[in-house]
């Protein structure tokens, strides 16, 4: 059976798919069925052909399986459900044993942005298979992150770590919410995951690579593929649609209210418009130019004035970081000498003691800190005879000041991969008032290292400590 026949058959996917969608009729998913027909090269009615043209920008229907496809569709349009259905269909619709060596397993990967999303996908897949009278018997073993089938195919959910994807024979890979992939381990997780998966699919005839996501910024793999191939007769299938076009039961009034309240954000989330108000902060290439490769710390030298900046943490969630820098007056460069990070959880007193010893090692008895310094840090550092003063500049202002230092190569960084990735993950946003804001993306991302370094580099470039609000510990 083809995929359309399968989702309309109660013995295969219909029961599970309707249960997954709270009993909604399959008629509600008519637009998704057109996408599936386009994906697998199935015949379309004239009405479906018009819908295909609307969402692909292409009047030509390829009429064959698309080995690579990218879907840009609005939030709450049913993307994760379709991804789960596709994984189940690809795992069970044909005999893959001809391309597998004796004892070899084939894998279908659903790669999510984070663990929560991966868990949700796993639940969807399990529900679809368990509700299928014909397919539930194929389930050999169900584990936390995968379902092993008796046909030697395993459906596995994973997060965007390219290192965990090597060494498999991959039948299909589905990239979930691709536009939002960021990582503290990789500057370009979307491209690195793609590079890891492609060789694993080389020996598999009719393998499929599918990226599916809401729209976000004008960057990354999803946007690059859209810009290059949307509306083209050749290349990957690119499908672009709004929330309501794919899910007509979505709350139109709520969508309209959200768009009115924040047009830039919600036109992207619901209407699949890539955002023009978000730009990359600095690229890895920019940061590599000012990185002293192979140097992780510089010992203190007599005659140099050092400046320190700390990004405190309560020890439960964020890291606590310390950066120390000096200015080379001959080259007019601010040079990073020390960068410390202590990841949570940790003992505040122990980290403060360690940081204080490092400050004294560089001849310092004071440190500048961000606005969080109005809390516990002054008291904790005072016990170590270190005085804390609050930064005159906000974190965002420090990041703005760091750009010219980087681009003019008036800063020299230590060789720290996490630091470079944190800087490259930052986003520049222009609000409706025209004011620029620089911050890390929403979600489980950090800028503890980059915050301290931007602060230390700023202080060293100025060559003196700009007196902000001195915090007096009682």
Protein backbone atom coordinates (compact mmCIF):
# COMPACT_ATOMS: atom_id res chain seq x y z
CA UNK A 1 0.00 0.00 0.00
CA UNK A 2 1.12 3.57 -0.61
CA UNK A 3 1.10 6.00 2.27
CA UNK A 4 -2.30 7.51 1.46
CA UNK A 5 -3.92 4.07 1.36
CA UNK A 6 -2.17 3.19 4.61
CA UNK A 7 -3.43 6.17 6.59
CA UNK A 8 -6.96 5.51 5.39
CA UNK A 9 -6.83 1.82 6.39
CA UNK A 10 -8.04 1.01 9.90
CA UNK A 11 -5.84 -2.06 9.95
CA UNK A 12 -2.74 0.05 9.45
CA UNK A 13 -2.52 3.73 10.43
CA UNK A 14 -6.01 5.21 10.51
CA UNK A 15 -6.89 4.36 14.12
CA UNK A 16 -3.54 5.45 15.51
CA UNK A 17 -3.39 8.61 13.45
CA UNK A 18 -6.92 9.71 14.39
CA UNK A 19 -6.27 8.94 18.07
CA UNK A 20 -3.06 10.89 17.86
CA UNK A 21 -5.05 13.85 16.58
CA UNK A 22 -7.84 13.67 19.17
CA UNK A 23 -10.28 11.92 16.84
CA UNK A 24 -10.10 14.54 14.07
CA UNK A 25 -11.25 13.32 10.68
CA UNK A 26 -8.62 12.57 8.09
CA UNK A 27 -10.38 15.16 5.90
CA UNK A 28 -8.85 17.75 8.23
CA UNK A 29 -5.45 16.57 7.04
CA UNK A 30 -6.21 16.98 3.34
CA UNK A 31 -3.34 19.40 2.75
CA UNK A 32 -0.88 17.08 4.49
CA UNK A 33 -2.09 14.27 2.23
CA UNK A 34 -1.22 16.41 -0.79
CA UNK A 35 2.26 16.89 0.64
CA UNK A 36 2.59 13.14 1.14
CA UNK A 37 1.52 12.54 -2.44
CA UNK A 38 4.15 14.99 -3.62
CA UNK A 39 6.77 13.36 -1.40
CA UNK A 40 6.11 9.86 -2.74
CA UNK A 41 5.31 10.82 -6.33
CA UNK A 42 1.66 9.79 -6.22
CA UNK A 43 -1.02 10.88 -8.67
CA UNK A 44 -2.99 14.04 -7.78
CA UNK A 45 -6.40 15.40 -8.66
CA UNK A 46 -6.55 18.82 -10.40
CA UNK A 47 -7.52 20.42 -7.07
CA UNK A 48 -4.58 18.77 -5.35
CA UNK A 49 -2.26 19.87 -8.16
CA UNK A 50 -3.32 23.47 -7.55
CA UNK A 51 -2.61 23.07 -3.85
CA UNK A 52 0.76 21.56 -4.70
CA UNK A 53 1.62 24.59 -6.83
CA UNK A 54 0.56 26.96 -4.04
CA UNK A 55 2.83 25.35 -1.46
CA UNK A 56 5.82 24.46 -3.61
CA UNK A 57 5.80 27.47 -5.93
CA UNK A 58 6.15 24.95 -8.75
CA UNK A 59 3.55 24.04 -11.35
CA UNK A 60 5.48 20.89 -12.25
CA UNK A 61 4.77 17.74 -10.24
CA UNK A 62 7.83 15.53 -10.10
CA UNK A 63 5.83 12.30 -10.11
CA UNK A 64 8.53 10.35 -8.27
CA UNK A 65 9.83 9.86 -4.75
CA UNK A 66 11.69 12.90 -3.44
CA UNK A 67 14.83 11.60 -1.69
CA UNK A 68 15.34 14.99 -0.03
CA UNK A 69 12.59 17.35 1.10
CA UNK A 70 12.14 20.31 3.42
CA UNK A 71 8.87 21.46 4.95
CA UNK A 72 8.35 24.96 6.35
CA UNK A 73 4.99 25.01 8.08
CA UNK A 74 3.39 27.04 10.86
CA UNK A 75 3.33 26.22 14.52
CA UNK A 76 0.60 23.75 15.58
CA UNK A 77 0.08 22.63 12.00
CA UNK A 78 0.77 18.98 12.82
CA UNK A 79 4.42 18.68 11.81
CA UNK A 80 5.51 16.29 14.57
CA UNK A 81 2.56 14.01 13.94
CA UNK A 82 3.37 13.83 10.25
CA UNK A 83 7.03 13.13 11.06
CA UNK A 84 5.99 10.27 13.35
CA UNK A 85 3.63 8.86 10.72
CA UNK A 86 6.37 9.01 8.09
CA UNK A 87 8.79 7.17 10.38
CA UNK A 88 6.27 4.39 10.97
CA UNK A 89 5.42 4.09 7.28
CA UNK A 90 9.03 4.03 6.11
CA UNK A 91 9.87 1.40 8.73
CA UNK A 92 7.06 -0.98 7.79
CA UNK A 93 6.06 -0.37 4.17
CA UNK A 94 8.72 -2.44 2.44
CA UNK A 95 11.24 -5.20 2.93
CA UNK A 96 14.57 -3.55 3.62
CA UNK A 97 16.45 -6.82 4.15
CA UNK A 98 17.83 -6.75 0.59
CA UNK A 99 20.02 -3.77 1.42
CA UNK A 100 21.05 -5.06 4.88
CA UNK A 101 23.92 -7.46 5.46
CA UNK A 102 23.28 -10.53 7.62
CA UNK A 103 22.76 -9.37 11.19
CA UNK A 104 22.75 -5.71 10.19
CA UNK A 105 20.00 -3.35 11.38
CA UNK A 106 18.54 -0.43 9.49
CA UNK A 107 17.68 2.74 11.36
CA UNK A 108 15.14 5.47 10.92
CA UNK A 109 16.21 8.52 12.90
CA UNK A 110 13.97 11.33 14.08
CA UNK A 111 16.36 14.02 15.22
CA UNK A 112 14.87 16.61 17.55
CA UNK A 113 16.04 19.93 18.95
CA UNK A 114 15.97 18.74 22.57
CA UNK A 115 15.09 15.79 24.79
CA UNK A 116 11.54 16.98 25.49
CA UNK A 117 10.72 17.07 21.80
CA UNK A 118 12.41 13.69 21.29
CA UNK A 119 10.28 12.15 24.05
CA UNK A 120 7.13 13.54 22.44
CA UNK A 121 8.06 12.05 19.07
CA UNK A 122 8.76 8.66 20.66
CA UNK A 123 5.30 8.70 22.28
CA UNK A 124 3.66 9.55 18.97
CA UNK A 125 5.43 6.71 17.16
CA UNK A 126 4.60 4.22 19.89
CA UNK A 127 0.93 5.27 19.81
CA UNK A 128 0.65 4.89 16.03
CA UNK A 129 2.17 1.41 16.01
CA UNK A 130 0.32 0.14 19.08
CA UNK A 131 -3.04 1.19 17.58
CA UNK A 132 -2.37 -0.68 14.32
CA UNK A 133 -3.83 -4.22 14.32
CA UNK A 134 -1.52 -5.22 11.49
CA UNK A 135 1.70 -3.58 12.69
CA UNK A 136 1.72 -3.87 16.49
CA UNK A 137 2.98 -7.44 16.16
CA UNK A 138 6.14 -6.12 14.51
CA UNK A 139 7.24 -4.48 17.77
CA UNK A 140 10.08 -6.61 19.10
CA UNK A 141 11.31 -4.37 21.91
CA UNK A 142 10.49 -0.85 23.05
CA UNK A 143 13.16 1.14 24.85
CA UNK A 144 13.35 4.72 26.10
CA UNK A 145 14.65 6.19 22.84
CA UNK A 146 13.86 3.54 20.26
CA UNK A 147 11.45 0.90 19.03
CA UNK A 148 13.01 -2.24 17.59
CA UNK A 149 10.95 -4.06 14.98
CA UNK A 150 11.14 -7.71 13.97
CA UNK A 151 11.91 -6.72 10.36
CA UNK A 152 15.41 -5.55 11.46
CA UNK A 153 14.40 -1.89 11.37
CA UNK A 154 14.76 0.31 14.44
CA UNK A 155 13.01 3.66 14.81
CA UNK A 156 15.18 5.84 17.03
CA UNK A 157 14.70 9.36 18.33
CA UNK A 158 17.76 11.44 19.13
CA UNK A 159 18.86 15.00 19.72
CA UNK A 160 21.03 17.06 17.38
CA UNK A 161 24.42 15.59 18.34
CA UNK A 162 26.27 14.58 15.20
CA UNK A 163 28.64 12.35 17.20
CA UNK A 164 25.82 9.97 18.16
CA UNK A 165 24.71 9.42 14.55
CA UNK A 166 27.79 7.71 13.18
CA UNK A 167 28.13 3.97 12.68
CA UNK A 168 24.53 3.28 11.61
CA UNK A 169 22.89 2.21 8.36
CA UNK A 170 20.27 4.92 8.00
CA UNK A 171 17.11 4.22 6.01
CA UNK A 172 15.67 7.63 6.66
CA UNK A 173 16.44 10.72 8.72
CA UNK A 174 13.85 13.29 9.73
CA UNK A 175 15.08 16.60 11.14
CA UNK A 176 12.49 18.12 13.50
CA UNK A 177 12.22 21.90 14.06
CA UNK A 178 15.40 22.30 12.06
CA UNK A 179 15.34 26.09 11.98
CA UNK A 180 15.81 26.24 15.76
CA UNK A 181 18.82 23.96 16.09
CA UNK A 182 21.52 25.55 18.21
CA UNK A 183 24.15 23.82 20.31
CA UNK A 184 26.83 24.57 22.87
CA UNK A 185 28.95 21.84 21.25
CA UNK A 186 28.72 22.91 17.62
CA UNK A 187 28.53 26.18 15.73
CA UNK A 188 26.40 24.66 12.95
CA UNK A 189 24.62 21.56 14.31
CA UNK A 190 22.25 21.41 11.33
CA UNK A 191 25.06 21.12 8.79
CA UNK A 192 27.16 18.86 11.01
CA UNK A 193 24.26 16.45 11.57
CA UNK A 194 23.61 16.48 7.83
CA UNK A 195 27.28 15.68 7.19
CA UNK A 196 27.09 12.79 9.68
CA UNK A 197 23.88 11.32 8.26
CA UNK A 198 24.59 11.49 4.52
CA UNK A 199 27.36 8.85 4.45
CA UNK A 200 25.16 6.52 6.53
CA UNK A 201 22.50 6.69 3.79
CA UNK A 202 24.77 6.16 0.80
CA UNK A 203 24.22 2.41 0.49
CA UNK A 204 20.45 2.62 0.96
CA UNK A 205 18.40 2.80 -2.22
CA UNK A 206 15.29 4.96 -1.78
CA UNK A 207 16.54 6.45 1.47
CA UNK A 208 14.80 9.67 2.46
CA UNK A 209 16.03 12.81 4.18
CA UNK A 210 13.29 15.11 5.45
CA UNK A 211 13.67 18.45 7.26
CA UNK A 212 10.53 19.87 8.84
CA UNK A 213 10.18 23.04 10.89
CA UNK A 214 8.50 26.33 11.56
CA UNK A 215 10.28 29.31 10.02
CA UNK A 216 12.77 31.35 12.01
CA UNK A 217 15.75 33.49 11.06
CA UNK A 218 17.20 33.86 7.57
CA UNK A 219 20.11 31.51 8.17
CA UNK A 220 20.95 27.85 8.52
CA UNK A 221 20.23 24.72 6.51
CA UNK A 222 16.46 25.13 6.24
CA UNK A 223 16.58 28.71 5.00
CA UNK A 224 19.47 27.95 2.64
CA UNK A 225 17.53 25.08 1.05
CA UNK A 226 14.37 27.19 0.79
CA UNK A 227 16.22 30.08 -0.81
CA UNK A 228 18.00 27.83 -3.28
CA UNK A 229 15.25 25.39 -4.32
CA UNK A 230 11.79 26.78 -3.59
CA UNK A 231 9.81 26.94 -6.82
CA UNK A 232 12.45 24.98 -8.75
CA UNK A 233 11.58 21.97 -10.88
CA UNK A 234 14.73 20.11 -9.82
CA UNK A 235 16.36 19.57 -6.46
CA UNK A 236 14.75 18.85 -3.08
CA UNK A 237 11.01 19.17 -2.65
CA UNK A 238 10.36 22.40 -0.73
CA UNK A 239 6.92 22.79 0.84
CA UNK A 240 5.90 26.08 2.50
CA UNK A 241 2.57 26.59 4.25
CA UNK A 242 0.80 28.38 7.09
CA UNK A 243 -0.67 26.86 10.23
CA UNK A 244 -4.27 27.20 9.06
CA UNK A 245 -3.56 25.85 5.58
CA UNK A 246 -2.34 22.58 7.08
CA UNK A 247 -4.63 22.52 10.12
CA UNK A 248 -7.94 24.28 9.36
CA UNK A 249 -9.14 23.61 12.93
CA UNK A 250 -6.48 25.88 14.41
CA UNK A 251 -7.86 28.83 16.38
CA UNK A 252 -7.88 31.58 13.76
CA UNK A 253 -8.90 34.30 16.21
CA UNK A 254 -6.05 33.43 18.59
CA UNK A 255 -3.60 33.43 15.68
CA UNK A 256 -4.81 36.86 14.56
CA UNK A 257 -4.49 38.22 18.11
CA UNK A 258 -0.96 36.85 18.46
CA UNK A 259 0.12 38.33 15.13
CA UNK A 260 -1.29 41.72 16.12
CA UNK A 261 0.54 41.63 19.46
CA UNK A 262 3.95 40.76 17.96
CA UNK A 263 3.94 40.73 14.14
CA UNK A 264 7.59 39.80 13.61
CA UNK A 265 7.45 36.80 15.92
CA UNK A 266 4.04 35.37 15.10
CA UNK A 267 4.06 35.94 11.35
CA UNK A 268 7.07 33.67 11.45
CA UNK A 269 5.47 31.08 13.74
CA UNK A 270 2.05 30.92 12.06
CA UNK A 271 2.58 32.24 8.52
CA UNK A 272 6.00 30.69 7.85
CA UNK A 273 7.68 34.00 7.08
CA UNK A 274 11.40 33.99 7.79
CA UNK A 275 12.25 36.76 10.23
CA UNK A 276 14.17 39.77 8.98
CA UNK A 277 14.59 41.25 12.47
CA UNK A 278 17.01 38.55 13.63
CA UNK A 279 20.60 38.41 12.47
CA UNK A 280 23.66 36.45 13.49
CA UNK A 281 25.93 38.22 15.95
CA UNK A 282 29.41 37.03 15.01
CA UNK A 283 30.50 34.08 12.91
CA UNK A 284 32.94 31.37 13.90
CA UNK A 285 35.27 32.67 11.20
CA UNK A 286 35.23 36.14 12.78
CA UNK A 287 36.07 34.66 16.17
CA UNK A 288 38.75 32.32 14.81
CA UNK A 289 40.65 35.35 13.49
CA UNK A 290 41.13 36.71 17.00
CA UNK A 291 41.75 33.36 18.73
CA UNK A 292 45.28 32.51 19.84
CA UNK A 293 45.23 28.85 18.82
CA UNK A 294 46.60 26.38 21.34
CA UNK A 295 46.73 28.94 24.17
CA UNK A 296 44.36 28.22 27.03
CA UNK A 297 45.86 30.58 29.67
CA UNK A 298 48.54 33.25 29.97
CA UNK A 299 50.46 33.59 33.25
CA UNK A 300 50.60 37.03 34.88
CA UNK A 301 53.48 39.34 33.98
CA UNK A 302 54.98 42.16 35.98
CA UNK A 303 54.06 45.64 34.85
CA UNK A 304 50.71 44.74 33.27
CA UNK A 305 47.38 46.06 34.48
CA UNK A 306 44.73 43.34 34.63
CA UNK A 307 40.95 43.67 34.54
CA UNK A 308 38.45 41.05 35.66
CA UNK A 309 34.79 40.42 34.94
CA UNK A 310 32.61 37.80 36.59
CA UNK A 311 29.26 36.35 35.57
CA UNK A 312 27.93 35.01 38.89
CA UNK A 313 25.53 32.13 39.34
CA UNK A 314 23.53 30.72 42.20
CA UNK A 315 25.03 27.30 41.52
CA UNK A 316 21.83 25.53 40.42
CA UNK A 317 21.33 26.28 36.72
CA UNK A 318 23.93 28.49 35.04
CA UNK A 319 27.69 28.28 35.08
CA UNK A 320 29.73 30.80 37.05
CA UNK A 321 32.52 32.32 34.97
CA UNK A 322 35.52 34.61 35.41
CA UNK A 323 37.55 36.34 32.70
CA UNK A 324 40.76 38.31 33.20
CA UNK A 325 42.36 40.44 30.46
CA UNK A 326 45.00 43.12 29.98
CA UNK A 327 45.73 45.76 27.38
CA UNK A 328 48.80 45.66 25.16
CA UNK A 329 49.45 49.37 24.68
CA UNK A 330 51.90 48.80 21.81
CA UNK A 331 49.32 47.01 19.64
CA UNK A 332 46.27 48.61 21.26
CA UNK A 333 44.79 45.14 21.76
CA UNK A 334 42.84 43.74 24.69
CA UNK A 335 44.23 40.28 25.43
CA UNK A 336 42.37 37.59 27.33
CA UNK A 337 44.60 35.89 29.90
CA UNK A 338 42.33 33.64 31.95
CA UNK A 339 38.88 32.15 31.49
CA UNK A 340 37.32 29.97 34.18
CA UNK A 341 33.97 28.20 34.10
CA UNK A 342 32.39 26.17 36.84
CA UNK A 343 29.27 24.35 35.72
CA UNK A 344 26.29 23.84 37.98
CA UNK A 345 25.71 22.38 40.44
CA UNK A 346 28.52 23.69 42.59
CA UNK A 347 29.27 25.11 46.02
CA UNK A 348 29.15 28.91 45.84
CA UNK A 349 31.70 29.33 48.63
CA UNK A 350 34.15 26.95 46.94
CA UNK A 351 33.91 28.67 43.57
CA UNK A 352 34.20 32.14 45.08
CA UNK A 353 37.31 31.01 46.97
CA UNK A 354 38.81 29.55 43.77
CA UNK A 355 38.02 32.66 41.72
CA UNK A 356 39.42 34.90 44.45
CA UNK A 357 42.72 32.99 44.41
CA UNK A 358 42.91 33.50 40.64
CA UNK A 359 42.21 37.21 41.02
CA UNK A 360 44.99 37.57 43.59
CA UNK A 361 47.32 35.57 41.31
CA UNK A 362 46.90 38.36 38.75
CA UNK A 363 47.37 41.04 41.41
CA UNK A 364 43.67 41.98 41.67
CA UNK A 365 41.55 42.72 44.69
CA UNK A 366 38.38 43.70 42.81
CA UNK A 367 36.18 42.29 40.09
CA UNK A 368 33.40 43.79 37.98
CA UNK A 369 30.17 41.82 37.67
CA UNK A 370 26.90 42.12 35.82
CA UNK A 371 23.60 43.22 37.35
CA UNK A 372 23.30 39.96 39.25
CA UNK A 373 26.04 41.38 41.46
CA UNK A 374 23.41 43.21 43.50
CA UNK A 375 22.58 39.86 45.13
CA UNK A 376 24.93 37.57 47.05
CA UNK A 377 28.31 38.10 45.27
CA UNK A 378 29.52 41.16 47.22
CA UNK A 379 29.10 39.39 50.55
CA UNK A 380 30.66 36.14 49.32
CA UNK A 381 33.70 37.83 47.72
CA UNK A 382 34.22 40.19 50.68
CA UNK A 383 35.00 37.15 52.83
CA UNK A 384 37.95 36.64 50.48
CA UNK A 385 38.92 40.36 50.61
CA UNK A 386 37.76 40.84 47.04
CA UNK A 387 35.51 43.78 46.24
CA UNK A 388 32.73 43.59 43.67
CA UNK A 389 31.48 46.47 41.63
CA UNK A 390 28.50 46.48 39.34
CA UNK A 391 29.14 46.93 35.65
CA UNK A 392 28.16 50.29 34.26
CA UNK A 393 27.17 48.61 31.00
CA UNK A 394 24.49 45.98 30.59
CA UNK A 395 25.25 42.62 29.04
CA UNK A 396 23.74 43.70 25.74
CA UNK A 397 25.83 46.88 25.70
CA UNK A 398 28.98 44.87 26.38
CA UNK A 399 28.15 42.64 23.41
CA UNK A 400 27.68 45.69 21.19
CA UNK A 401 31.07 47.01 22.32
CA UNK A 402 32.69 43.65 21.57
CA UNK A 403 31.77 43.72 17.86
CA UNK A 404 34.25 46.45 16.79
CA UNK A 405 36.92 44.87 18.98
CA UNK A 406 36.43 41.60 17.14
CA UNK A 407 36.03 42.95 13.61
CA UNK A 408 39.05 45.29 13.90
CA UNK A 409 41.02 42.47 15.54
CA UNK A 410 41.69 44.59 18.61
CA UNK A 411 40.92 41.65 20.90
CA UNK A 412 42.80 38.38 21.37
CA UNK A 413 40.93 35.39 22.79
CA UNK A 414 42.11 32.19 24.40
CA UNK A 415 41.47 28.93 22.54
CA UNK A 416 38.14 27.89 24.05
CA UNK A 417 35.61 26.19 21.76
CA UNK A 418 32.65 26.72 24.08
CA UNK A 419 33.43 30.42 24.20
CA UNK A 420 33.43 30.73 20.41
CA UNK A 421 30.19 28.78 20.08
CA UNK A 422 28.46 30.88 22.75
CA UNK A 423 29.47 34.05 20.92
CA UNK A 424 28.34 32.64 17.55
CA UNK A 425 24.98 31.53 18.99
CA UNK A 426 24.10 35.08 20.05
CA UNK A 427 21.41 36.84 18.05
CA UNK A 428 21.01 40.48 17.10
CA UNK A 429 17.42 41.64 17.15
CA UNK A 430 15.99 44.96 16.10
CA UNK A 431 12.81 45.84 17.99
CA UNK A 432 9.90 47.90 16.70
CA UNK A 433 11.48 50.95 18.35
CA UNK A 434 14.64 50.40 16.33
CA UNK A 435 16.67 49.50 19.43
CA UNK A 436 19.18 46.68 19.01
CA UNK A 437 19.19 43.78 21.45
CA UNK A 438 21.79 41.03 21.60
CA UNK A 439 21.10 37.86 23.56
CA UNK A 440 21.21 34.08 23.29
CA UNK A 441 18.24 32.25 21.69
CA UNK A 442 15.32 31.20 23.81
CA UNK A 443 15.64 27.77 25.31
CA UNK A 444 18.42 25.91 27.06
CA UNK A 445 21.29 28.07 25.82
CA UNK A 446 23.94 29.92 27.77
CA UNK A 447 26.19 32.94 27.44
CA UNK A 448 28.07 32.77 30.74
CA UNK A 449 31.51 32.58 29.12
CA UNK A 450 30.82 35.15 26.41
CA UNK A 451 29.36 37.57 28.96
CA UNK A 452 32.47 37.50 31.14
CA UNK A 453 34.82 37.77 28.18
CA UNK A 454 32.93 40.68 26.61
CA UNK A 455 33.12 42.44 29.97
CA UNK A 456 36.82 41.79 30.53
CA UNK A 457 37.74 42.79 26.98
CA UNK A 458 35.75 46.02 27.32
CA UNK A 459 37.50 46.94 30.58
CA UNK A 460 40.94 46.14 29.18
CA UNK A 461 40.31 48.10 25.97
CA UNK A 462 39.40 51.15 28.00
CA UNK A 463 42.51 50.61 30.10
CA UNK A 464 40.74 51.48 33.31
CA UNK A 465 37.76 50.34 35.32
CA UNK A 466 34.73 52.56 34.55
CA UNK A 467 33.21 53.27 37.91
CA UNK A 468 29.66 52.08 37.98
CA UNK A 469 27.73 51.55 41.16
CA UNK A 470 30.14 50.34 43.84
CA UNK A 471 28.47 47.63 45.86
CA UNK A 472 29.29 47.92 49.53
CA UNK A 473 28.95 44.67 51.39
CA UNK A 474 27.77 45.17 54.94
